[in-house]
Amino acid sequence: MSFTLHGLAVSQGIAIGHAHLVSHATLEVAHYTVRERDIPREIERFEAALADVRTDLGALHTEALQPGAPSELSALVNVHAMFLDDPHLANAPKDLIRERRCNAEWALVQQMEQLVDQFEEIDDSYLRERKHDIVQVVERILRSLTGHPRRFGKKGASKGDDTELIVVAHDLSPADTIQFKNLKIAGFVTDLGGATSHTAIVARSLAIPAVVGLHHARPLVREDDLVIVDGTRGVLIVGPDARVLEEYQLRKRELELERSKLNRLITARACTLDDIDVRLQANIELPQDVEQVKKLGADGVGLFRTEFLFMNRDTLPTEDEQFESYRSVAKALAGKPVTIRTLDVGADKTAGALAGTSRQAPNPALGLRAIRYCLAEPQIFLAQLRAILRASHFGKVQMLIPMLMNAAEIEQTLVMIDQAKQQLRERRCKFDEKIPVGGMIEIPAAALALGPFLKRLQFLSIGTNDLIQYTLAIDRTDEAVSHLYDPLHPAILRLLSHVIQTANKAEIPVAVCGELAGDPKMTRLLLGMGLREFSMHPTQLLEVKQQVVMSDTEQLAQKVARLLRLDEAERISEQVERL
């Protein structure tokens, strides 16, 4: 029987192969009471499981550093290792065992559910997805407690060397995906996960098609079923008929041919048909990501998110620790620009290291976050500013301030930067005295009142994800309203055009670093608005470059000017397709 499931497309491409089902540890564990004298033994059993998983993760980390493994994997395994050592997961279950005289499995799951509930309330999609990492770590501990470690089968050998496998799982951890390189994995699908889950990040880094958030794939798909993964449309086809199979085989060959052609663009100049240079930069989250940035020939890093340094830990990163991370990226890019965004957490974004300084906000998305949080915590902010300034001595570093709203916030931020500079001068630390400071335009108020930004800052970067969310009053992570999230809404397009054209007239560099920058269907539209700097996930760079080299900005400007006068979403969408 043939059927189709729809999920979230997180890694483009088409994969055709036989399903390989991956089981996961059941989280519905037994609950029983242990005798008073057996409590030390139960705690010892739990600690032994922790030690076992810690050793396992250490081995996986070493394997992730081997040639051929994506740079993201070692960092993601580190995240699991940090969760494993977190007192909320490593110590709290032992307290439960003592207090309630319960078995280790039940205590562990109870603590996991409490932590997952806390992460569920986080507004930021990337941080909220970390709840899956907690579950994955708990699954590993449970497998050790029950004596059932997960291993992927080597079934490909029995089917012949040309057989490709499609992994079908309830969820996958970064550690699981390290084993992919030992098998012929063509793609994977999971019931859980979102666009910013580690599963999605790994899929993109491996450049294999993936669909997540399918909900019911694991129980419905059978071992060895012939399946098709359409990672572009977010579709899983199980048991396709001959006609559908032939159609997808043809599309797969066409995509592979296109991908091989795209690689020729790595060394090509990002230049339009009318000889306009366009800067294509990359967004990164981890220092290790810089290797892919270099490999794909990006013009630099347009957005270095620094939140990872503050996640999954109980102590704040030191100034030196931050400095080393920033310096490593600046040195690796050897003179190409590196735009480091200051800390964008706060309120509900409960990075462990900030737990003592954050509070529960009634509406986190509109609360004390990003620059508002940093200005409220000057010592944390100053330490990061000093680290960024010190790194500027080792490369072309720029500083980007998120969620600025008005002139007062800009002035307060610049005063803090001057204070950090003075502190470094007193310590005789070298730094770039003229380091460029820019602001993110992600609040409608900032987009509509650009004067202070143009007068006091050296560059702008448009964060389209939040700008769209705030302008349309839609939480893009809420399934009930996510269908209303429309980048082509006329109000959004007019705001973008206003910011780009106003910055261009003032001769202030302006970039787009949100999801729109990496969408090749939007490239011509943004070029027609006058945008000349894009920053995106590294894997999207070549497709965007292809659109750039095929575009004539003078012709596009005329077409986009007419498009911006339209009010109907359908007509706008039609015109964008024709650009």
Protein backbone atom coordinates (compact mmCIF):
# COMPACT_ATOMS: atom_id res chain seq x y z
CA MET A 1 0.00 0.00 0.00
CA SER A 2 1.33 3.43 -0.96
CA PHE A 3 0.83 6.47 1.26
CA THR A 4 2.35 9.89 1.86
CA LEU A 5 3.30 11.71 5.07
CA HIS A 6 4.03 15.44 5.35
CA GLY A 7 6.52 17.06 7.72
CA LEU A 8 9.10 19.86 7.86
CA ALA A 9 11.63 20.08 5.05
CA VAL A 10 14.98 20.73 6.74
CA SER A 11 17.56 19.53 4.21
CA GLN A 12 16.96 19.72 0.47
CA GLY A 13 17.27 16.92 -2.03
CA ILE A 14 15.68 13.59 -2.92
CA ALA A 15 16.61 10.21 -1.48
CA ILE A 16 15.26 6.85 -2.66
CA GLY A 17 15.99 3.68 -0.72
CA HIS A 18 14.81 1.04 1.74
CA ALA A 19 13.63 1.99 5.20
CA HIS A 20 15.87 1.13 8.13
CA LEU A 21 13.94 1.47 11.36
CA VAL A 22 15.75 2.74 14.44
CA SER A 23 14.27 1.96 17.82
CA HIS A 24 14.48 4.30 20.78
CA ALA A 25 14.53 3.65 24.49
CA THR A 26 11.05 3.69 25.97
CA LEU A 27 10.52 6.51 28.41
CA GLU A 28 7.62 4.72 30.07
CA VAL A 29 9.65 3.06 32.80
CA ALA A 30 8.53 1.01 35.76
CA HIS A 31 8.21 2.63 39.17
CA TYR A 32 9.06 0.60 42.24
CA THR A 33 10.24 1.22 45.79
CA VAL A 34 13.71 0.19 46.88
CA ARG A 35 14.61 -0.82 50.41
CA GLU A 36 16.35 1.71 52.60
CA ARG A 37 19.54 -0.32 52.70
CA ASP A 38 19.53 -0.62 48.87
CA ILE A 39 19.44 3.14 48.20
CA PRO A 40 23.28 3.46 48.02
CA ARG A 41 23.36 0.57 45.55
CA GLU A 42 20.65 2.21 43.40
CA ILE A 43 22.58 5.48 43.37
CA GLU A 44 25.73 3.59 42.48
CA ARG A 45 23.86 1.96 39.56
CA PHE A 46 22.77 5.39 38.32
CA GLU A 47 26.30 6.80 38.62
CA ALA A 48 27.68 3.81 36.73
CA ALA A 49 25.22 4.51 33.89
CA LEU A 50 26.35 8.14 33.81
CA ALA A 51 29.99 7.06 33.65
CA ASP A 52 29.17 4.59 30.87
CA VAL A 53 27.43 7.23 28.76
CA ARG A 54 30.20 9.74 29.49
CA THR A 55 32.78 7.28 28.15
CA ASP A 56 30.59 6.53 25.14
CA LEU A 57 30.21 10.23 24.31
CA GLY A 58 33.97 10.72 24.67
CA ALA A 59 34.58 7.99 22.10
CA LEU A 60 31.96 9.45 19.78
CA HIS A 61 33.55 12.89 20.10
CA THR A 62 36.91 11.44 19.04
CA GLU A 63 35.23 9.72 16.10
CA ALA A 64 33.50 12.98 15.14
CA LEU A 65 36.91 14.66 14.81
CA GLN A 66 38.07 12.15 12.19
CA PRO A 67 38.37 13.23 8.53
CA GLY A 68 35.06 13.12 6.69
CA ALA A 69 32.90 13.92 9.71
CA PRO A 70 31.05 17.26 9.54
CA SER A 71 32.48 19.87 11.88
CA GLU A 72 29.09 20.33 13.57
CA LEU A 73 29.04 16.79 14.97
CA SER A 74 31.78 17.18 17.56
CA ALA A 75 30.18 20.37 18.87
CA LEU A 76 26.75 18.76 19.07
CA VAL A 77 28.13 15.76 20.93
CA ASN A 78 29.69 18.28 23.31
CA VAL A 79 26.23 19.69 23.96
CA HIS A 80 25.04 16.24 25.04
CA ALA A 81 28.09 15.84 27.23
CA MET A 82 27.32 19.17 28.93
CA PHE A 83 23.73 18.10 29.55
CA LEU A 84 25.04 14.85 31.03
CA ASP A 85 27.16 16.77 33.53
CA ASP A 86 24.45 19.30 34.37
CA PRO A 87 23.47 18.94 38.08
CA HIS A 88 19.79 19.08 37.11
CA LEU A 89 20.28 15.79 35.27
CA ALA A 90 23.26 14.24 37.05
CA ASN A 91 22.40 15.01 40.71
CA ALA A 92 18.67 15.68 40.98
CA PRO A 93 17.68 12.05 40.19
CA LYS A 94 19.92 10.88 43.06
CA ASP A 95 18.06 13.22 45.41
CA LEU A 96 14.79 11.70 44.24
CA ILE A 97 16.12 8.19 44.85
CA ARG A 98 17.00 9.15 48.44
CA GLU A 99 13.82 11.09 49.17
CA ARG A 100 11.28 8.76 47.56
CA ARG A 101 13.20 5.47 47.73
CA CYS A 102 12.48 4.94 44.04
CA ASN A 103 14.38 3.16 41.28
CA ALA A 104 16.92 5.08 39.19
CA GLU A 105 15.00 4.80 35.89
CA TRP A 106 11.85 6.39 37.32
CA ALA A 107 13.78 9.15 39.09
CA LEU A 108 15.62 10.00 35.87
CA VAL A 109 12.45 10.21 33.78
CA GLN A 110 10.69 12.35 36.40
CA GLN A 111 13.53 14.86 36.34
CA MET A 112 13.63 14.79 32.53
CA GLU A 113 9.91 15.64 32.31
CA GLN A 114 10.42 18.63 34.60
CA LEU A 115 13.29 19.94 32.48
CA VAL A 116 11.39 19.40 29.22
CA ASP A 117 8.43 21.36 30.61
CA GLN A 118 10.76 24.28 31.35
CA PHE A 119 12.20 24.23 27.84
CA GLU A 120 8.70 24.05 26.32
CA GLU A 121 8.01 27.53 27.69
CA ILE A 122 11.01 29.11 25.95
CA ASP A 123 10.03 31.41 23.11
CA ASP A 124 13.23 31.15 21.09
CA SER A 125 12.87 28.25 18.65
CA TYR A 126 16.54 27.23 18.69
CA LEU A 127 16.71 27.05 22.48
CA ARG A 128 13.30 25.39 22.78
CA GLU A 129 14.46 22.58 20.47
CA ARG A 130 17.14 21.70 23.01
CA LYS A 131 14.47 19.78 24.92
CA HIS A 132 15.02 17.01 22.36
CA ASP A 133 18.69 16.90 23.34
CA ILE A 134 17.68 16.35 26.97
CA VAL A 135 15.42 13.46 25.94
CA GLN A 136 18.19 11.96 23.81
CA VAL A 137 20.68 12.09 26.69
CA VAL A 138 18.14 10.47 29.03
CA GLU A 139 17.54 7.73 26.45
CA ARG A 140 21.27 6.95 26.42
CA ILE A 141 21.34 6.72 30.22
CA LEU A 142 18.25 4.47 30.21
CA ARG A 143 19.85 2.17 27.65
CA SER A 144 22.85 1.82 29.92
CA LEU A 145 20.64 1.19 32.98
CA THR A 146 18.69 -1.49 31.13
CA GLY A 147 21.68 -2.94 29.27
CA HIS A 148 20.35 -2.18 25.78
CA PRO A 149 22.71 0.21 23.95
CA ARG A 150 21.56 1.44 20.53
CA ARG A 151 23.46 0.26 17.47
CA PHE A 152 22.59 0.75 13.84
CA GLY A 153 22.44 -2.49 11.90
CA LYS A 154 24.80 -3.33 9.07
CA LYS A 155 21.96 -4.56 6.87
CA GLY A 156 23.25 -2.76 3.78
CA ALA A 157 25.82 -5.48 3.16
CA SER A 158 23.22 -8.20 2.81
CA LYS A 159 21.33 -6.23 0.15
CA GLY A 160 24.26 -5.44 -2.08
CA ASP A 161 26.67 -2.59 -2.27
CA ASP A 162 24.30 -0.33 -4.23
CA THR A 163 21.50 -0.35 -1.64
CA GLU A 164 20.82 3.00 -0.04
CA LEU A 165 19.27 3.23 3.40
CA ILE A 166 16.67 5.69 4.63
CA VAL A 167 16.80 5.92 8.42
CA VAL A 168 13.32 6.15 9.96
CA ALA A 169 13.34 7.08 13.64
CA HIS A 170 11.22 8.63 16.33
CA ASP A 171 14.17 10.95 16.95
CA LEU A 172 17.91 11.00 16.28
CA SER A 173 20.71 12.41 18.37
CA PRO A 174 23.95 13.90 17.01
CA ALA A 175 25.76 10.87 18.41
CA ASP A 176 23.51 8.57 16.38
CA THR A 177 24.28 10.41 13.18
CA ILE A 178 28.04 9.88 13.56
CA GLN A 179 27.37 6.25 12.70
CA PHE A 180 25.88 7.32 9.34
CA LYS A 181 29.31 7.46 7.75
CA ASN A 182 29.73 3.74 8.43
CA LEU A 183 26.58 2.95 6.44
CA LYS A 184 25.22 4.10 3.09
CA ILE A 185 22.69 6.52 4.49
CA ALA A 186 20.88 8.38 1.72
CA GLY A 187 18.54 10.34 3.95
CA PHE A 188 16.52 10.21 7.15
CA VAL A 189 13.13 11.08 8.58
CA THR A 190 12.02 11.53 12.19
CA ASP A 191 8.75 11.95 14.04
CA LEU A 192 10.16 14.70 16.25
CA GLY A 193 12.27 17.75 15.55
CA GLY A 194 11.97 21.22 14.09
CA ALA A 195 13.84 23.39 11.63
CA THR A 196 16.36 24.38 14.33
CA SER A 197 16.75 20.96 15.97
CA HIS A 198 20.18 19.38 16.03
CA THR A 199 18.82 16.67 13.73
CA ALA A 200 18.08 19.35 11.15
CA ILE A 201 21.48 21.00 11.64
CA VAL A 202 23.27 17.68 11.14
CA ALA A 203 21.19 16.88 8.04
CA ARG A 204 22.21 20.14 6.43
CA SER A 205 25.86 19.66 7.38
CA LEU A 206 25.84 16.15 5.88
CA ALA A 207 24.02 17.52 2.80
CA ILE A 208 21.56 14.62 2.79
CA PRO A 209 17.77 14.95 2.35
CA ALA A 210 15.80 14.95 5.58
CA VAL A 211 12.25 15.52 6.78
CA VAL A 212 11.42 15.94 10.48
CA GLY A 213 8.26 16.44 12.50
CA LEU A 214 6.36 13.66 10.70
CA HIS A 215 4.69 12.57 13.98
CA HIS A 216 3.74 9.02 12.90
CA ALA A 217 6.39 7.79 10.45
CA ARG A 218 8.14 5.40 12.86
CA PRO A 219 5.04 3.30 13.72
CA LEU A 220 3.64 3.32 10.16
CA VAL A 221 6.73 2.49 8.11
CA ARG A 222 7.95 -1.12 8.04
CA GLU A 223 11.51 -2.40 7.80
CA ASP A 224 12.71 -2.59 4.16
CA ASP A 225 9.78 -0.58 2.77
CA LEU A 226 10.75 1.28 -0.39
CA VAL A 227 10.52 4.97 0.48
CA ILE A 228 11.19 8.36 -1.10
CA VAL A 229 12.34 11.33 0.97
CA ASP A 230 11.64 14.69 -0.65
CA GLY A 231 13.68 17.04 1.52
CA THR A 232 12.65 20.06 -0.53
CA ARG A 233 8.89 19.67 -0.13
CA GLY A 234 8.90 17.94 3.26
CA VAL A 235 7.32 14.72 1.98
CA LEU A 236 7.86 11.01 2.75
CA ILE A 237 6.35 8.62 0.19
CA VAL A 238 6.06 5.01 1.34
CA GLY A 239 5.64 2.22 -1.25
CA PRO A 240 5.54 4.46 -4.34
CA ASP A 241 4.05 3.01 -7.53
CA ALA A 242 6.15 2.64 -10.67
CA ARG A 243 5.10 5.99 -12.16
CA VAL A 244 5.89 8.01 -9.02
CA LEU A 245 9.18 6.14 -8.54
CA GLU A 246 10.24 6.88 -12.13
CA GLU A 247 9.33 10.55 -11.76
CA TYR A 248 11.37 10.92 -8.57
CA GLN A 249 14.33 9.03 -10.03
CA LEU A 250 14.38 11.55 -12.87
CA ARG A 251 14.11 14.51 -10.47
CA LYS A 252 16.89 13.02 -8.32
CA ARG A 253 19.24 12.79 -11.31
CA GLU A 254 18.42 16.36 -12.30
CA LEU A 255 19.09 17.63 -8.78
CA GLU A 256 22.42 15.78 -8.59
CA LEU A 257 23.45 17.29 -11.90
CA GLU A 258 22.48 20.75 -10.68
CA ARG A 259 24.41 20.23 -7.44
CA SER A 260 27.57 19.22 -9.31
CA LYS A 261 27.23 22.33 -11.47
CA LEU A 262 26.82 24.50 -8.38
CA ASN A 263 30.22 23.39 -7.08
CA ARG A 264 31.78 25.18 -10.05
CA LEU A 265 30.57 28.43 -8.54
CA ILE A 266 32.71 28.09 -5.42
CA THR A 267 35.57 30.08 -6.93
CA ALA A 268 33.35 32.27 -9.13
CA ARG A 269 32.94 35.96 -8.44
CA ALA A 270 29.50 36.85 -7.00
CA CYS A 271 28.70 39.38 -9.68
CA THR A 272 25.47 40.18 -11.55
CA LEU A 273 25.06 40.37 -15.33
CA ASP A 274 25.36 44.17 -15.15
CA ASP A 275 28.67 43.87 -13.25
CA ILE A 276 27.42 44.62 -9.72
CA ASP A 277 29.39 42.87 -6.95
CA VAL A 278 27.33 41.14 -4.26
CA ARG A 279 28.75 39.97 -0.93
CA LEU A 280 27.60 36.52 0.12
CA GLN A 281 28.45 35.74 3.73
CA ALA A 282 27.61 32.92 6.12
CA ASN A 283 25.77 32.62 9.43
CA ILE A 284 27.53 30.44 12.00
CA GLU A 285 26.77 29.27 15.53
CA LEU A 286 29.99 27.46 16.45
CA PRO A 287 33.68 28.19 15.79
CA GLN A 288 33.92 24.85 13.99
CA ASP A 289 31.45 26.07 11.35
CA VAL A 290 34.14 28.29 9.87
CA GLU A 291 35.64 25.34 7.95
CA GLN A 292 32.51 25.02 5.84
CA VAL A 293 32.48 28.79 5.35
CA LYS A 294 35.98 28.61 3.88
CA LYS A 295 35.23 25.52 1.81
CA LEU A 296 32.30 27.18 0.04
CA GLY A 297 34.15 30.41 -0.64
CA ALA A 298 31.96 32.73 1.43
CA ASP A 299 32.95 36.39 1.63
CA GLY A 300 33.09 36.19 5.42
CA VAL A 301 30.80 35.63 8.38
CA GLY A 302 27.81 37.94 8.38
CA LEU A 303 26.37 36.65 11.65
CA PHE A 304 28.23 34.80 14.41
CA ARG A 305 25.64 33.88 17.05
CA THR A 306 27.37 33.81 20.44
CA GLU A 307 24.60 32.19 22.50
CA PHE A 308 26.19 28.72 22.29
CA LEU A 309 28.88 29.79 24.79
CA PHE A 310 26.25 30.41 27.44
CA MET A 311 24.14 27.30 26.87
CA ASN A 312 24.06 24.05 28.83
CA ARG A 313 26.32 25.19 31.65
CA ASP A 314 25.96 26.49 35.19
CA THR A 315 28.74 29.06 35.13
CA LEU A 316 29.25 32.06 32.88
CA PRO A 317 31.97 31.73 30.24
CA THR A 318 35.00 33.76 31.19
CA GLU A 319 36.21 36.65 29.12
CA ASP A 320 39.21 34.57 28.04
CA GLU A 321 37.01 31.65 27.00
CA GLN A 322 34.89 33.93 24.83
CA PHE A 323 37.98 35.64 23.44
CA GLU A 324 39.51 32.34 22.32
CA SER A 325 36.33 31.37 20.44
CA TYR A 326 36.07 34.72 18.67
CA ARG A 327 39.79 34.88 17.90
CA SER A 328 39.80 31.38 16.36
CA VAL A 329 37.17 32.44 13.82
CA ALA A 330 38.81 35.78 13.07
CA LYS A 331 42.21 34.15 12.46
CA ALA A 332 40.72 31.32 10.38
CA LEU A 333 39.11 33.75 7.95
CA ALA A 334 42.40 35.58 7.42
CA GLY A 335 41.19 39.11 6.77
CA LYS A 336 37.63 38.40 5.66
CA PRO A 337 35.00 40.15 7.81
CA VAL A 338 33.56 38.41 10.88
CA THR A 339 30.41 39.99 12.29
CA ILE A 340 29.96 38.91 15.92
CA ARG A 341 26.49 39.44 17.35
CA THR A 342 26.40 40.20 21.05
CA LEU A 343 24.43 37.97 23.39
CA ASP A 344 20.83 37.45 22.25
CA VAL A 345 19.33 35.67 25.25
CA GLY A 346 17.41 36.76 28.29
CA ALA A 347 13.99 36.51 29.95
CA ASP A 348 12.67 33.07 28.97
CA LYS A 349 15.87 32.04 27.19
CA THR A 350 17.12 30.08 30.14
CA ALA A 351 20.73 29.43 29.30
CA GLY A 352 22.00 27.63 32.37
CA ALA A 353 24.76 30.13 33.03
CA LEU A 354 22.19 32.96 33.19
CA ALA A 355 19.70 31.22 35.46
CA GLY A 356 20.54 33.46 38.43
CA THR A 357 20.02 36.67 36.46
CA SER A 358 16.88 35.89 34.45
CA ARG A 359 13.24 36.03 35.45
CA GLN A 360 9.95 34.61 34.28
CA ALA A 361 8.41 37.11 31.86
CA PRO A 362 4.67 37.32 31.12
CA ASN A 363 5.37 37.71 27.39
CA PRO A 364 8.94 36.60 26.72
CA ALA A 365 9.08 37.60 23.03
CA LEU A 366 8.39 41.19 24.09
CA GLY A 367 10.41 41.09 27.29
CA LEU A 368 13.93 41.55 28.61
CA ARG A 369 15.97 39.97 25.83
CA ALA A 370 18.97 40.70 23.59
CA ILE A 371 20.37 44.23 24.11
CA ARG A 372 17.73 44.97 26.76
CA TYR A 373 19.06 42.08 28.81
CA CYS A 374 22.69 43.05 28.23
CA LEU A 375 22.13 46.64 29.32
CA ALA A 376 20.40 45.33 32.46
CA GLU A 377 23.41 43.07 33.20
CA PRO A 378 26.40 45.37 32.52
CA GLN A 379 29.08 43.06 33.95
CA ILE A 380 28.07 40.18 31.67
CA PHE A 381 27.88 42.58 28.73
CA LEU A 382 31.24 44.25 29.44
CA ALA A 383 33.00 40.88 29.63
CA GLN A 384 31.67 39.95 26.19
CA LEU A 385 32.49 43.36 24.72
CA ARG A 386 36.08 43.10 25.96
CA ALA A 387 36.38 39.60 24.47
CA ILE A 388 35.11 40.78 21.08
CA LEU A 389 37.37 43.84 21.14
CA ARG A 390 40.42 41.71 21.96
CA ALA A 391 39.57 39.35 19.08
CA SER A 392 39.44 42.34 16.70
CA HIS A 393 43.25 42.53 16.90
CA PHE A 394 43.45 39.19 15.07
CA GLY A 395 41.15 39.82 12.11
CA LYS A 396 38.52 42.01 10.49
CA VAL A 397 35.94 41.86 13.29
CA GLN A 398 32.67 43.77 13.41
CA MET A 399 30.28 44.01 16.36
CA LEU A 400 26.52 43.60 15.81
CA ILE A 401 23.95 44.64 18.45
CA PRO A 402 20.59 42.79 18.35
CA MET A 403 17.09 44.18 18.92
CA LEU A 404 17.95 47.86 19.14
CA MET A 405 14.84 50.04 19.17
CA ASN A 406 15.71 53.71 19.64
CA ALA A 407 18.40 56.34 20.05
CA ALA A 408 18.64 55.90 23.82
CA GLU A 409 19.53 52.20 23.51
CA ILE A 410 22.12 52.99 20.84
CA GLU A 411 23.72 55.64 23.05
CA GLN A 412 23.77 53.36 26.11
CA THR A 413 25.36 50.59 24.06
CA LEU A 414 28.06 52.86 22.62
CA VAL A 415 28.86 54.14 26.13
CA MET A 416 29.33 50.54 27.27
CA ILE A 417 31.61 49.83 24.31
CA ASP A 418 33.70 52.92 25.15
CA GLN A 419 33.89 51.72 28.75
CA ALA A 420 35.10 48.28 27.62
CA LYS A 421 37.72 49.94 25.41
CA GLN A 422 39.00 52.03 28.31
CA GLN A 423 39.26 48.96 30.53
CA LEU A 424 41.37 47.25 27.85
CA ARG A 425 43.60 50.30 27.46
CA GLU A 426 44.26 50.23 31.19
CA ARG A 427 45.20 46.55 30.85
CA ARG A 428 47.34 47.39 27.79
CA CYS A 429 45.43 44.92 25.62
CA LYS A 430 45.54 45.47 21.87
CA PHE A 431 42.30 45.88 19.91
CA ASP A 432 40.90 47.66 16.87
CA GLU A 433 40.12 51.18 18.10
CA LYS A 434 37.86 51.74 15.07
CA ILE A 435 35.98 48.44 15.19
CA PRO A 436 32.73 48.88 13.20
CA VAL A 437 29.57 48.67 15.32
CA GLY A 438 26.27 47.81 13.65
CA GLY A 439 22.67 47.31 14.64
CA MET A 440 20.11 44.68 13.81
CA ILE A 441 16.85 45.92 12.34
CA GLU A 442 14.30 43.43 13.63
CA ILE A 443 11.73 45.64 15.36
CA PRO A 444 9.25 47.58 13.18
CA ALA A 445 9.89 50.74 15.22
CA ALA A 446 13.58 50.59 14.27
CA ALA A 447 12.76 50.00 10.60
CA LEU A 448 10.45 53.02 10.50
CA ALA A 449 12.76 55.39 12.41
CA LEU A 450 16.25 54.75 11.03
CA GLY A 451 17.73 58.20 11.69
CA PRO A 452 19.65 57.39 14.92
CA PHE A 453 20.91 54.11 13.42
CA LEU A 454 22.31 55.84 10.34
CA LYS A 455 23.95 58.62 12.37
CA ARG A 456 25.57 56.55 15.13
CA LEU A 457 26.27 53.10 13.60
CA GLN A 458 28.58 51.91 10.83
CA PHE A 459 26.36 49.21 9.29
CA LEU A 460 22.92 47.57 9.53
CA SER A 461 21.77 43.97 9.37
CA ILE A 462 18.10 43.11 8.86
CA GLY A 463 16.92 40.16 10.96
CA THR A 464 13.94 39.17 8.83
CA ASN A 465 12.83 36.30 11.09
CA ASP A 466 11.91 38.58 14.00
CA LEU A 467 10.96 41.55 11.82
CA ILE A 468 8.28 39.47 10.10
CA GLN A 469 7.14 37.96 13.39
CA TYR A 470 6.77 41.31 15.14
CA THR A 471 5.22 43.10 12.16
CA LEU A 472 2.55 40.45 11.58
CA ALA A 473 2.04 39.68 15.31
CA ILE A 474 2.56 35.98 14.60
CA ASP A 475 4.59 33.46 16.59
CA ARG A 476 6.15 31.46 13.77
CA THR A 477 6.76 28.52 16.13
CA ASP A 478 3.06 28.24 17.04
CA GLU A 479 1.50 25.64 14.75
CA ALA A 480 -1.94 27.22 15.17
CA VAL A 481 -0.87 30.46 13.45
CA SER A 482 2.37 29.58 11.66
CA HIS A 483 0.51 29.37 8.33
CA LEU A 484 -0.06 33.15 8.62
CA TYR A 485 3.69 33.81 8.67
CA ASP A 486 4.09 35.43 5.25
CA PRO A 487 7.41 36.95 4.09
CA LEU A 488 5.62 38.29 0.99
CA HIS A 489 3.04 40.30 2.91
CA PRO A 490 3.05 43.78 1.30
CA ALA A 491 3.85 45.42 4.66
CA ILE A 492 6.96 43.24 5.04
CA LEU A 493 8.20 43.98 1.53
CA ARG A 494 7.70 47.72 1.96
CA LEU A 495 9.55 47.70 5.29
CA LEU A 496 12.47 45.80 3.74
CA SER A 497 12.60 48.10 0.74
CA HIS A 498 12.45 51.18 2.99
CA VAL A 499 15.35 50.00 5.17
CA ILE A 500 17.53 48.96 2.21
CA GLN A 501 16.95 52.09 0.15
CA THR A 502 17.31 54.45 3.13
CA ALA A 503 20.62 52.83 4.13
CA ASN A 504 21.87 52.91 0.54
CA LYS A 505 21.10 56.64 0.23
CA ALA A 506 23.02 57.27 3.45
CA GLU A 507 25.87 55.08 2.12
CA ILE A 508 25.60 52.80 5.16
CA PRO A 509 26.21 49.08 4.39
CA VAL A 510 23.09 46.98 4.93
CA ALA A 511 22.71 43.19 4.87
CA VAL A 512 19.93 40.65 5.38
CA CYS A 513 20.87 37.82 7.75
CA GLY A 514 17.47 36.17 8.31
CA GLU A 515 15.98 33.15 6.53
CA LEU A 516 15.06 35.25 3.47
CA ALA A 517 18.75 35.74 2.66
CA GLY A 518 19.22 32.02 2.06
CA ASP A 519 16.05 31.47 0.05
CA PRO A 520 17.03 31.46 -3.66
CA LYS A 521 13.41 32.28 -4.60
CA MET A 522 13.84 35.63 -2.79
CA THR A 523 17.30 36.53 -4.13
CA ARG A 524 16.12 38.45 -7.20
CA LEU A 525 13.49 40.30 -5.16
CA LEU A 526 16.11 41.48 -2.64
CA LEU A 527 18.55 42.42 -5.40
CA GLY A 528 15.79 44.48 -7.03
CA MET A 529 15.28 46.31 -3.73
CA GLY A 530 18.94 47.29 -3.79
CA LEU A 531 20.40 44.72 -1.39
CA ARG A 532 24.06 43.91 -2.04
CA GLU A 533 24.97 41.91 1.09
CA PHE A 534 23.44 38.56 2.10
CA SER A 535 24.28 36.26 5.02
CA MET A 536 22.89 32.74 5.26
CA HIS A 537 23.54 29.15 6.32
CA PRO A 538 26.67 28.01 4.42
CA THR A 539 24.82 25.21 2.58
CA GLN A 540 22.52 27.79 0.94
CA LEU A 541 25.30 29.96 -0.41
CA LEU A 542 25.88 28.38 -3.84
CA GLU A 543 22.19 28.36 -4.78
CA VAL A 544 21.95 32.04 -3.92
CA LYS A 545 25.14 32.75 -5.86
CA GLN A 546 23.63 31.03 -8.89
CA GLN A 547 20.70 33.44 -8.76
CA VAL A 548 23.04 36.40 -8.38
CA VAL A 549 25.14 35.63 -11.47
CA MET A 550 21.97 35.22 -13.55
CA SER A 551 20.44 38.56 -12.48
CA ASP A 552 20.40 42.05 -13.97
CA THR A 553 19.88 44.50 -11.10
CA GLU A 554 18.75 47.39 -13.33
CA GLN A 555 15.93 45.34 -14.84
CA LEU A 556 15.02 43.86 -11.45
CA ALA A 557 14.79 47.31 -9.83
CA GLN A 558 12.10 48.36 -12.31
CA LYS A 559 10.10 45.15 -11.84
CA VAL A 560 10.35 45.26 -8.03
CA ALA A 561 9.25 48.91 -7.95
CA ARG A 562 6.03 47.88 -9.70
CA LEU A 563 5.65 44.84 -7.46
CA LEU A 564 5.86 46.96 -4.30
CA ARG A 565 2.73 48.83 -5.33
CA LEU A 566 0.64 45.64 -5.18
CA ASP A 567 -1.56 44.87 -2.17
CA GLU A 568 -2.77 41.32 -2.90
CA ALA A 569 -0.54 38.51 -1.63
CA GLU A 570 -1.41 36.19 -4.53
CA ARG A 571 -0.45 38.75 -7.17
CA ILE A 572 2.78 39.53 -5.30
CA SER A 573 3.67 35.82 -5.19
CA GLU A 574 2.99 35.50 -8.94
CA GLN A 575 5.22 38.48 -9.71
CA VAL A 576 8.05 37.16 -7.51
CA GLU A 577 7.97 33.90 -9.49
CA ARG A 578 8.38 35.88 -12.72
CA LEU A 579 11.33 38.01 -11.61
